[in-house]
Amino acid sequence: MKGIQFLIIISLFFLLIFGIVNSRSIVEYTTFEVFDSVSQWEKIVDDYANEHNIAPIEPKVDRIWKLIPGYNGLIVDKKATLTLIKEQKPISIDDIKYVWKEVEPKKKLEDLGAYPIYRGNPAKPMVSFMINVAWGTEYLDQILEILKNENVKATFFVDGSWLKKNSDLAQRIVVEGHEIGNHAYSHPRLSRLTRDRIRQEIVRTEELIRSITNQSSAFFAPPAGDYDQRVVEIANNMNLKTVLWTVDTIDWQKPSPQTIINRIIKKVDNGNLILMHPTKPTVDALPTLIKEIKKKGLKIGTVKKTLSTKRVLDIESPVKF
């Protein structure tokens, strides 16, 4: 009797094991093996791509904001994804790891003509500090230290006459990873000058930037925001895009640091260019300003980065799909 019971138990044990193995085989078959043909996997990837792909945004000339950069699309790289599927053999459709790639807009800024730029693309979660430097050095050291401590890069638009006297600071700005922009030579009201004088103001500063930093500028910020179409065209002919600001700290009025913080945080949004100068209120406001901007889900980068079409993937990760 005991022998029969033992045989029954052993039989049940093997049946149980076989059932588990067999059921597992069935699961694996119904996930990877059943979709083993290329066309079936392609359909799965195609369907996912059609649902989640983001089309690029084309640059445009806006009635208010003038020239607005485009923004790359983000799509599933079907070929790379299918290659990964073959290598990894996912157990289920949910286990598929999709490979993404950026797709540039069809048009470039240069295709749209000579216009000023006041902001980056409103879909891009990045902003920039435009720090215009035309006088003094008293607060620049502190600003550079704060930016370094917060791991933030900015764009410094330098006046040529200031640059000539402070080449060491200009070199430090570049060495620490910041961007240098052109701010004319003598801080004039450019709209009141002749075409020749406008060009001289820009050329003279650009030559200094190149000789002191071994770099060329990509952007020109007209002093006091004063410009006309001649200024934009002259700068454009020198491969310089004319940039102004989206939001002004009004730090030149010497407001309290909290006034600066409140003013910027209330207004700042995707693609904004934030104007500031090396002043005491700016120094006092900057650490909090940086933290509050980041809390809003915005990355801070140079003007070149904010105006580029590249996506901010560390913030816009496709994982959230």
C-alpha atoms as a PDB file:
ATOM      1  CA  MET A   1       0.000   0.000   0.000  1.00  0.00           C
ATOM      2  CA  LYS A   2       2.769   2.372   0.939  1.00  0.00           C
ATOM      3  CA  GLY A   3       4.498   1.554  -2.346  1.00  0.00           C
ATOM      4  CA  ILE A   4       1.406   2.516  -4.318  1.00  0.00           C
ATOM      5  CA  GLN A   5       1.063   5.809  -2.433  1.00  0.00           C
ATOM      6  CA  PHE A   6       4.704   6.566  -3.104  1.00  0.00           C
ATOM      7  CA  LEU A   7       4.239   5.930  -6.835  1.00  0.00           C
ATOM      8  CA  ILE A   8       1.179   8.171  -6.892  1.00  0.00           C
ATOM      9  CA  ILE A   9       3.070  10.992  -5.162  1.00  0.00           C
ATOM     10  CA  ILE A  10       6.023  10.630  -7.543  1.00  0.00           C
ATOM     11  CA  SER A  11       3.664  10.626 -10.536  1.00  0.00           C
ATOM     12  CA  LEU A  12       1.895  13.749  -9.332  1.00  0.00           C
ATOM     13  CA  PHE A  13       5.235  15.446  -8.736  1.00  0.00           C
ATOM     14  CA  PHE A  14       6.412  14.781 -12.293  1.00  0.00           C
ATOM     15  CA  LEU A  15       3.066  15.836 -13.708  1.00  0.00           C
ATOM     16  CA  LEU A  16       3.314  19.094 -11.777  1.00  0.00           C
ATOM     17  CA  ILE A  17       6.863  19.766 -12.978  1.00  0.00           C
ATOM     18  CA  PHE A  18       5.928  18.920 -16.555  1.00  0.00           C
ATOM     19  CA  GLY A  19       2.928  21.207 -16.347  1.00  0.00           C
ATOM     20  CA  ILE A  20       5.024  24.143 -15.135  1.00  0.00           C
ATOM     21  CA  VAL A  21       7.699  23.633 -17.783  1.00  0.00           C
ATOM     22  CA  ASN A  22       5.105  23.094 -20.472  1.00  0.00           C
ATOM     23  CA  SER A  23       3.118  26.183 -19.464  1.00  0.00           C
ATOM     24  CA  ARG A  24       6.302  28.214 -19.478  1.00  0.00           C
ATOM     25  CA  SER A  25       7.099  26.924 -22.937  1.00  0.00           C
ATOM     26  CA  ILE A  26       3.631  27.913 -24.075  1.00  0.00           C
ATOM     27  CA  VAL A  27       4.087  31.451 -22.667  1.00  0.00           C
ATOM     28  CA  GLU A  28       7.453  31.817 -24.370  1.00  0.00           C
ATOM     29  CA  TYR A  29       6.011  30.504 -27.603  1.00  0.00           C
ATOM     30  CA  THR A  30       3.073  32.878 -27.515  1.00  0.00           C
ATOM     31  CA  THR A  31       5.335  35.870 -26.905  1.00  0.00           C
ATOM     32  CA  PHE A  32       8.620  35.660 -28.784  1.00  0.00           C
ATOM     33  CA  GLU A  33       8.175  32.620 -31.060  1.00  0.00           C
ATOM     34  CA  VAL A  34       4.750  33.515 -32.381  1.00  0.00           C
ATOM     35  CA  PHE A  35       6.083  36.921 -33.459  1.00  0.00           C
ATOM     36  CA  ASP A  36       9.344  35.522 -34.764  1.00  0.00           C
ATOM     37  CA  SER A  37       8.714  36.527 -38.361  1.00  0.00           C
ATOM     38  CA  VAL A  38      10.129  39.889 -39.398  1.00  0.00           C
ATOM     39  CA  SER A  39       6.800  41.193 -40.683  1.00  0.00           C
ATOM     40  CA  GLN A  40       5.021  40.541 -37.371  1.00  0.00           C
ATOM     41  CA  TRP A  41       7.695  42.314 -35.316  1.00  0.00           C
ATOM     42  CA  GLU A  42       7.729  45.163 -37.815  1.00  0.00           C
ATOM     43  CA  LYS A  43       3.985  45.621 -37.344  1.00  0.00           C
ATOM     44  CA  ILE A  44       4.370  45.799 -33.559  1.00  0.00           C
ATOM     45  CA  VAL A  45       7.133  48.399 -33.884  1.00  0.00           C
ATOM     46  CA  ASP A  46       5.222  50.319 -36.579  1.00  0.00           C
ATOM     47  CA  ASP A  47       2.095  50.504 -34.435  1.00  0.00           C
ATOM     48  CA  TYR A  48       4.079  51.756 -31.445  1.00  0.00           C
ATOM     49  CA  ALA A  49       5.932  54.313 -33.562  1.00  0.00           C
ATOM     50  CA  ASN A  50       2.717  55.625 -35.113  1.00  0.00           C
ATOM     51  CA  GLU A  51       1.303  56.189 -31.639  1.00  0.00           C
ATOM     52  CA  HIS A  52       4.363  57.758 -29.994  1.00  0.00           C
ATOM     53  CA  ASN A  53       6.454  59.486 -32.667  1.00  0.00           C
ATOM     54  CA  ILE A  54       6.781  63.267 -32.269  1.00  0.00           C
ATOM     55  CA  ALA A  55       7.099  65.273 -35.491  1.00  0.00           C
ATOM     56  CA  PRO A  56       9.704  68.052 -35.758  1.00  0.00           C
ATOM     57  CA  ILE A  57       8.552  71.660 -35.395  1.00  0.00           C
ATOM     58  CA  GLU A  58       9.569  73.962 -38.232  1.00  0.00           C
ATOM     59  CA  PRO A  59      11.166  77.375 -37.564  1.00  0.00           C
ATOM     60  CA  LYS A  60       8.971  80.368 -38.317  1.00  0.00           C
ATOM     61  CA  VAL A  61       8.768  84.135 -38.384  1.00  0.00           C
ATOM     62  CA  ASP A  62       6.289  85.249 -35.724  1.00  0.00           C
ATOM     63  CA  ARG A  63       4.522  88.607 -35.782  1.00  0.00           C
ATOM     64  CA  ILE A  64       5.546  89.346 -32.183  1.00  0.00           C
ATOM     65  CA  TRP A  65       8.564  87.138 -31.422  1.00  0.00           C
ATOM     66  CA  LYS A  66      10.095  87.451 -34.902  1.00  0.00           C
ATOM     67  CA  LEU A  67      12.378  84.493 -35.711  1.00  0.00           C
ATOM     68  CA  ILE A  68      11.586  81.369 -33.675  1.00  0.00           C
ATOM     69  CA  PRO A  69      13.868  78.323 -34.050  1.00  0.00           C
ATOM     70  CA  GLY A  70      12.507  74.914 -34.956  1.00  0.00           C
ATOM     71  CA  TYR A  71      12.686  71.864 -32.710  1.00  0.00           C
ATOM     72  CA  ASN A  72      13.720  68.314 -33.526  1.00  0.00           C
ATOM     73  CA  GLY A  73      11.176  65.544 -33.652  1.00  0.00           C
ATOM     74  CA  LEU A  74      11.682  62.300 -31.726  1.00  0.00           C
ATOM     75  CA  ILE A  75      10.859  59.034 -33.468  1.00  0.00           C
ATOM     76  CA  VAL A  76      11.396  55.320 -33.027  1.00  0.00           C
ATOM     77  CA  ASP A  77      14.438  54.065 -34.924  1.00  0.00           C
ATOM     78  CA  LYS A  78      12.699  51.026 -36.401  1.00  0.00           C
ATOM     79  CA  LYS A  79      15.784  49.343 -37.833  1.00  0.00           C
ATOM     80  CA  ALA A  80      17.771  49.655 -34.596  1.00  0.00           C
ATOM     81  CA  THR A  81      14.759  48.551 -32.526  1.00  0.00           C
ATOM     82  CA  LEU A  82      14.215  45.410 -34.634  1.00  0.00           C
ATOM     83  CA  THR A  83      17.917  44.564 -34.362  1.00  0.00           C
ATOM     84  CA  LEU A  84      17.662  44.888 -30.574  1.00  0.00           C
ATOM     85  CA  ILE A  85      14.578  42.648 -30.518  1.00  0.00           C
ATOM     86  CA  LYS A  86      16.449  39.895 -32.368  1.00  0.00           C
ATOM     87  CA  GLU A  87      19.354  40.168 -29.931  1.00  0.00           C
ATOM     88  CA  GLN A  88      17.357  40.337 -26.692  1.00  0.00           C
ATOM     89  CA  LYS A  89      14.389  38.075 -27.575  1.00  0.00           C
ATOM     90  CA  PRO A  90      11.880  39.851 -25.286  1.00  0.00           C
ATOM     91  CA  ILE A  91       9.521  37.625 -23.263  1.00  0.00           C
ATOM     92  CA  SER A  92       6.577  39.952 -23.899  1.00  0.00           C
ATOM     93  CA  ILE A  93       5.695  42.973 -25.990  1.00  0.00           C
ATOM     94  CA  ASP A  94       5.995  45.116 -22.859  1.00  0.00           C
ATOM     95  CA  ASP A  95       9.666  44.106 -22.575  1.00  0.00           C
ATOM     96  CA  ILE A  96      10.623  45.626 -25.932  1.00  0.00           C
ATOM     97  CA  LYS A  97      13.273  48.341 -25.605  1.00  0.00           C
ATOM     98  CA  TYR A  98      12.648  50.960 -28.265  1.00  0.00           C
ATOM     99  CA  VAL A  99      15.529  52.903 -29.785  1.00  0.00           C
ATOM    100  CA  TRP A 100      14.847  56.599 -30.393  1.00  0.00           C
ATOM    101  CA  LYS A 101      16.385  59.140 -32.734  1.00  0.00           C
ATOM    102  CA  GLU A 102      15.961  62.852 -33.367  1.00  0.00           C
ATOM    103  CA  VAL A 103      14.687  64.170 -36.688  1.00  0.00           C
ATOM    104  CA  GLU A 104      15.568  67.726 -37.702  1.00  0.00           C
ATOM    105  CA  PRO A 105      13.067  70.187 -39.190  1.00  0.00           C
ATOM    106  CA  LYS A 106      13.172  70.530 -42.969  1.00  0.00           C
ATOM    107  CA  LYS A 107      14.003  74.249 -42.777  1.00  0.00           C
ATOM    108  CA  LYS A 108      16.834  76.003 -40.945  1.00  0.00           C
ATOM    109  CA  LEU A 109      16.827  79.468 -39.380  1.00  0.00           C
ATOM    110  CA  GLU A 110      19.072  80.697 -42.170  1.00  0.00           C
ATOM    111  CA  ASP A 111      16.407  79.808 -44.736  1.00  0.00           C
ATOM    112  CA  LEU A 112      13.995  82.387 -43.310  1.00  0.00           C
ATOM    113  CA  GLY A 113      16.112  85.525 -43.733  1.00  0.00           C
ATOM    114  CA  ALA A 114      17.503  88.195 -41.402  1.00  0.00           C
ATOM    115  CA  TYR A 115      15.295  88.672 -38.349  1.00  0.00           C
ATOM    116  CA  PRO A 116      16.015  89.221 -34.644  1.00  0.00           C
ATOM    117  CA  ILE A 117      15.510  86.373 -32.168  1.00  0.00           C
ATOM    118  CA  TYR A 118      13.802  86.898 -28.820  1.00  0.00           C
ATOM    119  CA  ARG A 119      13.345  83.310 -27.680  1.00  0.00           C
ATOM    120  CA  GLY A 120      13.941  79.638 -28.328  1.00  0.00           C
ATOM    121  CA  ASN A 121      11.223  77.236 -29.382  1.00  0.00           C
ATOM    122  CA  PRO A 122       8.320  77.256 -26.868  1.00  0.00           C
ATOM    123  CA  ALA A 123       8.327  73.437 -26.833  1.00  0.00           C
ATOM    124  CA  LYS A 124      11.927  73.261 -25.583  1.00  0.00           C
ATOM    125  CA  PRO A 125      12.312  73.020 -21.764  1.00  0.00           C
ATOM    126  CA  MET A 126      15.516  75.051 -21.674  1.00  0.00           C
ATOM    127  CA  VAL A 127      16.323  78.684 -20.873  1.00  0.00           C
ATOM    128  CA  SER A 128      19.456  80.839 -21.023  1.00  0.00           C
ATOM    129  CA  PHE A 129      21.075  83.590 -19.010  1.00  0.00           C
ATOM    130  CA  MET A 130      22.171  86.452 -21.282  1.00  0.00           C
ATOM    131  CA  ILE A 131      24.710  88.356 -19.203  1.00  0.00           C
ATOM    132  CA  ASN A 132      25.557  91.674 -20.871  1.00  0.00           C
ATOM    133  CA  VAL A 133      28.932  93.014 -19.766  1.00  0.00           C
ATOM    134  CA  ALA A 134      29.870  96.592 -20.634  1.00  0.00           C
ATOM    135  CA  TRP A 135      31.293  98.001 -17.434  1.00  0.00           C
ATOM    136  CA  GLY A 136      33.258  96.985 -14.349  1.00  0.00           C
ATOM    137  CA  THR A 137      34.464  93.661 -12.996  1.00  0.00           C
ATOM    138  CA  GLU A 138      33.321  93.928  -9.384  1.00  0.00           C
ATOM    139  CA  TYR A 139      30.668  91.204  -9.478  1.00  0.00           C
ATOM    140  CA  LEU A 140      31.849  88.956 -12.301  1.00  0.00           C
ATOM    141  CA  ASP A 141      34.022  86.759 -10.081  1.00  0.00           C
ATOM    142  CA  GLN A 142      31.069  86.034  -7.813  1.00  0.00           C
ATOM    143  CA  ILE A 143      28.744  85.322 -10.745  1.00  0.00           C
ATOM    144  CA  LEU A 144      31.258  82.903 -12.258  1.00  0.00           C
ATOM    145  CA  GLU A 145      31.681  81.132  -8.918  1.00  0.00           C
ATOM    146  CA  ILE A 146      27.921  80.734  -8.483  1.00  0.00           C
ATOM    147  CA  LEU A 147      27.529  79.372 -12.013  1.00  0.00           C
ATOM    148  CA  LYS A 148      30.387  76.956 -11.394  1.00  0.00           C
ATOM    149  CA  ASN A 149      28.929  75.737  -8.095  1.00  0.00           C
ATOM    150  CA  GLU A 150      25.491  75.248  -9.669  1.00  0.00           C
ATOM    151  CA  ASN A 151      26.932  73.590 -12.801  1.00  0.00           C
ATOM    152  CA  VAL A 152      25.253  76.147 -15.062  1.00  0.00           C
ATOM    153  CA  LYS A 153      26.610  77.579 -18.316  1.00  0.00           C
ATOM    154  CA  ALA A 154      25.651  81.066 -19.504  1.00  0.00           C
ATOM    155  CA  THR A 155      26.300  83.368 -22.449  1.00  0.00           C
ATOM    156  CA  PHE A 156      28.258  86.559 -21.762  1.00  0.00           C
ATOM    157  CA  PHE A 157      27.759  89.331 -24.319  1.00  0.00           C
ATOM    158  CA  VAL A 158      30.844  91.502 -23.991  1.00  0.00           C
ATOM    159  CA  ASP A 159      31.385  95.113 -24.987  1.00  0.00           C
ATOM    160  CA  GLY A 160      34.607  95.491 -27.010  1.00  0.00           C
ATOM    161  CA  SER A 161      36.028  98.358 -24.951  1.00  0.00           C
ATOM    162  CA  TRP A 162      35.474  96.295 -21.773  1.00  0.00           C
ATOM    163  CA  LEU A 163      37.005  93.242 -23.414  1.00  0.00           C
ATOM    164  CA  LYS A 164      40.148  95.142 -24.374  1.00  0.00           C
ATOM    165  CA  LYS A 165      40.764  96.011 -20.703  1.00  0.00           C
ATOM    166  CA  ASN A 166      39.717  92.639 -19.232  1.00  0.00           C
ATOM    167  CA  SER A 167      41.111  89.935 -21.500  1.00  0.00           C
ATOM    168  CA  ASP A 168      41.945  87.727 -18.490  1.00  0.00           C
ATOM    169  CA  LEU A 169      38.300  87.616 -17.391  1.00  0.00           C
ATOM    170  CA  ALA A 170      37.136  86.924 -20.938  1.00  0.00           C
ATOM    171  CA  GLN A 171      39.535  83.994 -21.135  1.00  0.00           C
ATOM    172  CA  ARG A 172      38.276  82.693 -17.810  1.00  0.00           C
ATOM    173  CA  ILE A 173      34.678  82.870 -19.051  1.00  0.00           C
ATOM    174  CA  VAL A 174      35.567  80.662 -22.020  1.00  0.00           C
ATOM    175  CA  VAL A 175      37.799  78.268 -20.061  1.00  0.00           C
ATOM    176  CA  GLU A 176      34.951  77.629 -17.600  1.00  0.00           C
ATOM    177  CA  GLY A 177      32.693  76.519 -20.442  1.00  0.00           C
ATOM    178  CA  HIS A 178      30.588  79.617 -20.994  1.00  0.00           C
ATOM    179  CA  GLU A 179      29.749  81.198 -24.323  1.00  0.00           C
ATOM    180  CA  ILE A 180      30.984  84.597 -25.523  1.00  0.00           C
ATOM    181  CA  GLY A 181      28.743  86.857 -27.589  1.00  0.00           C
ATOM    182  CA  ASN A 182      29.266  90.203 -29.338  1.00  0.00           C
ATOM    183  CA  HIS A 183      27.842  93.343 -27.671  1.00  0.00           C
ATOM    184  CA  ALA A 184      29.337  95.998 -30.003  1.00  0.00           C
ATOM    185  CA  TYR A 185      32.399  98.047 -29.055  1.00  0.00           C
ATOM    186  CA  SER A 186      31.340 101.247 -27.287  1.00  0.00           C
ATOM    187  CA  HIS A 187      27.738 100.565 -26.206  1.00  0.00           C
ATOM    188  CA  PRO A 188      26.175 102.978 -28.730  1.00  0.00           C
ATOM    189  CA  ARG A 189      22.586 103.398 -29.885  1.00  0.00           C
ATOM    190  CA  LEU A 190      23.113 101.512 -33.105  1.00  0.00           C
ATOM    191  CA  SER A 191      19.915 102.666 -34.806  1.00  0.00           C
ATOM    192  CA  ARG A 192      21.333 106.212 -34.808  1.00  0.00           C
ATOM    193  CA  LEU A 193      24.572 105.269 -36.558  1.00  0.00           C
ATOM    194  CA  THR A 194      25.463 104.945 -40.221  1.00  0.00           C
ATOM    195  CA  ARG A 195      25.818 101.493 -41.758  1.00  0.00           C
ATOM    196  CA  ASP A 196      29.606 101.861 -41.744  1.00  0.00           C
ATOM    197  CA  ARG A 197      29.685 102.773 -38.052  1.00  0.00           C
ATOM    198  CA  ILE A 198      27.368  99.892 -37.171  1.00  0.00           C
ATOM    199  CA  ARG A 199      29.643  97.477 -38.984  1.00  0.00           C
ATOM    200  CA  GLN A 200      32.764  98.919 -37.315  1.00  0.00           C
ATOM    201  CA  GLU A 201      31.215  98.481 -33.868  1.00  0.00           C
ATOM    202  CA  ILE A 202      30.520  94.815 -34.505  1.00  0.00           C
ATOM    203  CA  VAL A 203      33.709  94.007 -36.436  1.00  0.00           C
ATOM    204  CA  ARG A 204      36.021  95.630 -33.903  1.00  0.00           C
ATOM    205  CA  THR A 205      34.595  93.595 -31.039  1.00  0.00           C
ATOM    206  CA  GLU A 206      34.521  90.395 -33.069  1.00  0.00           C
ATOM    207  CA  GLU A 207      38.214  90.756 -33.896  1.00  0.00           C
ATOM    208  CA  LEU A 208      39.000  91.194 -30.191  1.00  0.00           C
ATOM    209  CA  ILE A 209      36.935  88.146 -29.259  1.00  0.00           C
ATOM    210  CA  ARG A 210      38.825  86.023 -31.769  1.00  0.00           C
ATOM    211  CA  SER A 211      42.262  87.263 -30.775  1.00  0.00           C
ATOM    212  CA  ILE A 212      41.656  86.946 -27.016  1.00  0.00           C
ATOM    213  CA  THR A 213      39.578  83.753 -26.818  1.00  0.00           C
ATOM    214  CA  ASN A 214      40.441  81.975 -30.087  1.00  0.00           C
ATOM    215  CA  GLN A 215      36.708  81.657 -30.675  1.00  0.00           C
ATOM    216  CA  SER A 216      34.161  83.332 -32.913  1.00  0.00           C
ATOM    217  CA  SER A 217      30.777  84.568 -31.768  1.00  0.00           C
ATOM    218  CA  ALA A 218      27.552  83.114 -33.058  1.00  0.00           C
ATOM    219  CA  PHE A 219      25.315  85.845 -31.643  1.00  0.00           C
ATOM    220  CA  PHE A 220      25.126  89.630 -31.452  1.00  0.00           C
ATOM    221  CA  ALA A 221      23.188  91.456 -28.715  1.00  0.00           C
ATOM    222  CA  PRO A 222      22.614  95.137 -29.583  1.00  0.00           C
ATOM    223  CA  PRO A 223      23.390  97.487 -26.665  1.00  0.00           C
ATOM    224  CA  ALA A 224      20.258  98.588 -24.784  1.00  0.00           C
ATOM    225  CA  GLY A 225      18.236  96.435 -27.180  1.00  0.00           C
ATOM    226  CA  ASP A 226      18.399  99.275 -29.709  1.00  0.00           C
ATOM    227  CA  TYR A 227      18.431  98.126 -33.322  1.00  0.00           C
ATOM    228  CA  ASP A 228      16.818  98.470 -36.717  1.00  0.00           C
ATOM    229  CA  GLN A 229      16.718  96.220 -39.750  1.00  0.00           C
ATOM    230  CA  ARG A 230      20.101  97.505 -40.926  1.00  0.00           C
ATOM    231  CA  VAL A 231      21.703  96.228 -37.718  1.00  0.00           C
ATOM    232  CA  VAL A 232      20.142  92.784 -38.133  1.00  0.00           C
ATOM    233  CA  GLU A 233      21.240  92.539 -41.769  1.00  0.00           C
ATOM    234  CA  ILE A 234      24.809  93.707 -41.093  1.00  0.00           C
ATOM    235  CA  ALA A 235      25.190  91.207 -38.249  1.00  0.00           C
ATOM    236  CA  ASN A 236      23.614  88.484 -40.375  1.00  0.00           C
ATOM    237  CA  ASN A 237      26.120  89.141 -43.173  1.00  0.00           C
ATOM    238  CA  MET A 238      28.854  88.465 -40.595  1.00  0.00           C
ATOM    239  CA  ASN A 239      27.213  85.140 -39.647  1.00  0.00           C
ATOM    240  CA  LEU A 240      25.946  86.611 -36.379  1.00  0.00           C
ATOM    241  CA  LYS A 241      22.330  86.161 -35.334  1.00  0.00           C
ATOM    242  CA  THR A 242      20.865  89.186 -33.564  1.00  0.00           C
ATOM    243  CA  VAL A 243      19.384  88.168 -30.212  1.00  0.00           C
ATOM    244  CA  LEU A 244      17.383  90.074 -27.650  1.00  0.00           C
ATOM    245  CA  TRP A 245      15.621  88.833 -24.530  1.00  0.00           C
ATOM    246  CA  THR A 246      12.337  87.250 -23.530  1.00  0.00           C
ATOM    247  CA  VAL A 247      12.452  88.229 -19.852  1.00  0.00           C
ATOM    248  CA  ASP A 248      14.382  91.124 -18.253  1.00  0.00           C
ATOM    249  CA  THR A 249      15.633  91.001 -14.659  1.00  0.00           C
ATOM    250  CA  ILE A 250      15.752  94.836 -14.690  1.00  0.00           C
ATOM    251  CA  ASP A 251      18.807  94.393 -12.447  1.00  0.00           C
ATOM    252  CA  TRP A 252      20.256  97.615 -13.873  1.00  0.00           C
ATOM    253  CA  GLN A 253      17.587  99.426 -11.832  1.00  0.00           C
ATOM    254  CA  LYS A 254      19.117  97.876  -8.687  1.00  0.00           C
ATOM    255  CA  PRO A 255      15.933  96.223  -7.359  1.00  0.00           C
ATOM    256  CA  SER A 256      15.993  93.906  -4.362  1.00  0.00           C
ATOM    257  CA  PRO A 257      17.128  90.312  -5.034  1.00  0.00           C
ATOM    258  CA  GLN A 258      13.637  89.050  -4.154  1.00  0.00           C
ATOM    259  CA  THR A 259      12.113  91.394  -6.734  1.00  0.00           C
ATOM    260  CA  ILE A 260      14.339  89.841  -9.406  1.00  0.00           C
ATOM    261  CA  ILE A 261      13.461  86.309  -8.276  1.00  0.00           C
ATOM    262  CA  ASN A 262       9.714  86.997  -8.207  1.00  0.00           C
ATOM    263  CA  ARG A 263       9.776  88.749 -11.563  1.00  0.00           C
ATOM    264  CA  ILE A 264      11.634  85.962 -13.376  1.00  0.00           C
ATOM    265  CA  ILE A 265       9.983  82.925 -11.767  1.00  0.00           C
ATOM    266  CA  LYS A 266       6.529  84.359 -12.473  1.00  0.00           C
ATOM    267  CA  LYS A 267       7.302  84.732 -16.191  1.00  0.00           C
ATOM    268  CA  VAL A 268       9.986  82.213 -17.148  1.00  0.00           C
ATOM    269  CA  ASP A 269       8.954  79.453 -19.517  1.00  0.00           C
ATOM    270  CA  ASN A 270      10.260  77.135 -22.230  1.00  0.00           C
ATOM    271  CA  GLY A 271      12.805  78.696 -24.577  1.00  0.00           C
ATOM    272  CA  ASN A 272      13.193  81.961 -22.649  1.00  0.00           C
ATOM    273  CA  LEU A 273      16.282  84.164 -22.862  1.00  0.00           C
ATOM    274  CA  ILE A 274      16.801  85.916 -19.516  1.00  0.00           C
ATOM    275  CA  LEU A 275      18.640  89.244 -19.560  1.00  0.00           C
ATOM    276  CA  MET A 276      20.922  90.168 -16.670  1.00  0.00           C
ATOM    277  CA  HIS A 277      24.017  92.203 -15.848  1.00  0.00           C
ATOM    278  CA  PRO A 278      26.839  91.850 -13.306  1.00  0.00           C
ATOM    279  CA  THR A 279      25.250  93.750 -10.401  1.00  0.00           C
ATOM    280  CA  LYS A 280      24.976  93.172  -6.657  1.00  0.00           C
ATOM    281  CA  PRO A 281      21.242  92.291  -6.785  1.00  0.00           C
ATOM    282  CA  THR A 282      21.994  89.736  -9.520  1.00  0.00           C
ATOM    283  CA  VAL A 283      24.699  88.091  -7.428  1.00  0.00           C
ATOM    284  CA  ASP A 284      22.373  87.865  -4.429  1.00  0.00           C
ATOM    285  CA  ALA A 285      19.422  86.564  -6.469  1.00  0.00           C
ATOM    286  CA  LEU A 286      21.280  84.118  -8.723  1.00  0.00           C
ATOM    287  CA  PRO A 287      21.545  80.991  -6.489  1.00  0.00           C
ATOM    288  CA  THR A 288      17.826  81.028  -5.654  1.00  0.00           C
ATOM    289  CA  LEU A 289      16.927  81.949  -9.221  1.00  0.00           C
ATOM    290  CA  ILE A 290      18.784  78.910 -10.559  1.00  0.00           C
ATOM    291  CA  LYS A 291      17.147  76.552  -8.064  1.00  0.00           C
ATOM    292  CA  GLU A 292      13.635  77.885  -8.748  1.00  0.00           C
ATOM    293  CA  ILE A 293      14.077  77.686 -12.522  1.00  0.00           C
ATOM    294  CA  LYS A 294      15.187  74.060 -12.224  1.00  0.00           C
ATOM    295  CA  LYS A 295      12.194  73.310  -9.997  1.00  0.00           C
ATOM    296  CA  LYS A 296       9.977  74.348 -12.898  1.00  0.00           C
ATOM    297  CA  GLY A 297      11.457  71.509 -14.948  1.00  0.00           C
ATOM    298  CA  LEU A 298      13.650  73.780 -17.049  1.00  0.00           C
ATOM    299  CA  LYS A 299      17.281  73.194 -17.924  1.00  0.00           C
ATOM    300  CA  ILE A 300      19.656  76.165 -18.092  1.00  0.00           C
ATOM    301  CA  GLY A 301      22.073  76.269 -21.018  1.00  0.00           C
ATOM    302  CA  THR A 302      23.920  78.689 -23.268  1.00  0.00           C
ATOM    303  CA  VAL A 303      22.047  80.741 -25.843  1.00  0.00           C
ATOM    304  CA  LYS A 304      23.477  78.486 -28.539  1.00  0.00           C
ATOM    305  CA  LYS A 305      21.979  75.419 -26.867  1.00  0.00           C
ATOM    306  CA  THR A 306      18.598  76.996 -26.177  1.00  0.00           C
ATOM    307  CA  LEU A 307      18.282  78.209 -29.769  1.00  0.00           C
ATOM    308  CA  SER A 308      19.438  74.909 -31.259  1.00  0.00           C
ATOM    309  CA  THR A 309      16.912  72.382 -32.559  1.00  0.00           C
ATOM    310  CA  LYS A 310      18.283  69.582 -30.348  1.00  0.00           C
ATOM    311  CA  ARG A 311      15.894  68.102 -27.808  1.00  0.00           C
ATOM    312  CA  VAL A 312      16.546  68.166 -24.059  1.00  0.00           C
ATOM    313  CA  LEU A 313      16.488  64.383 -23.700  1.00  0.00           C
ATOM    314  CA  ASP A 314      17.539  64.207 -20.047  1.00  0.00           C
ATOM    315  CA  ILE A 315      14.290  66.053 -19.254  1.00  0.00           C
ATOM    316  CA  GLU A 316      12.126  64.748 -22.119  1.00  0.00           C
ATOM    317  CA  SER A 317      13.051  61.077 -21.817  1.00  0.00           C
ATOM    318  CA  PRO A 318      10.927  58.827 -24.053  1.00  0.00           C
ATOM    319  CA  VAL A 319      10.658  56.434 -21.081  1.00  0.00           C
ATOM    320  CA  LYS A 320       7.649  58.456 -19.918  1.00  0.00           C
ATOM    321  CA  PHE A 321       5.645  57.238 -22.905  1.00  0.00           C
END
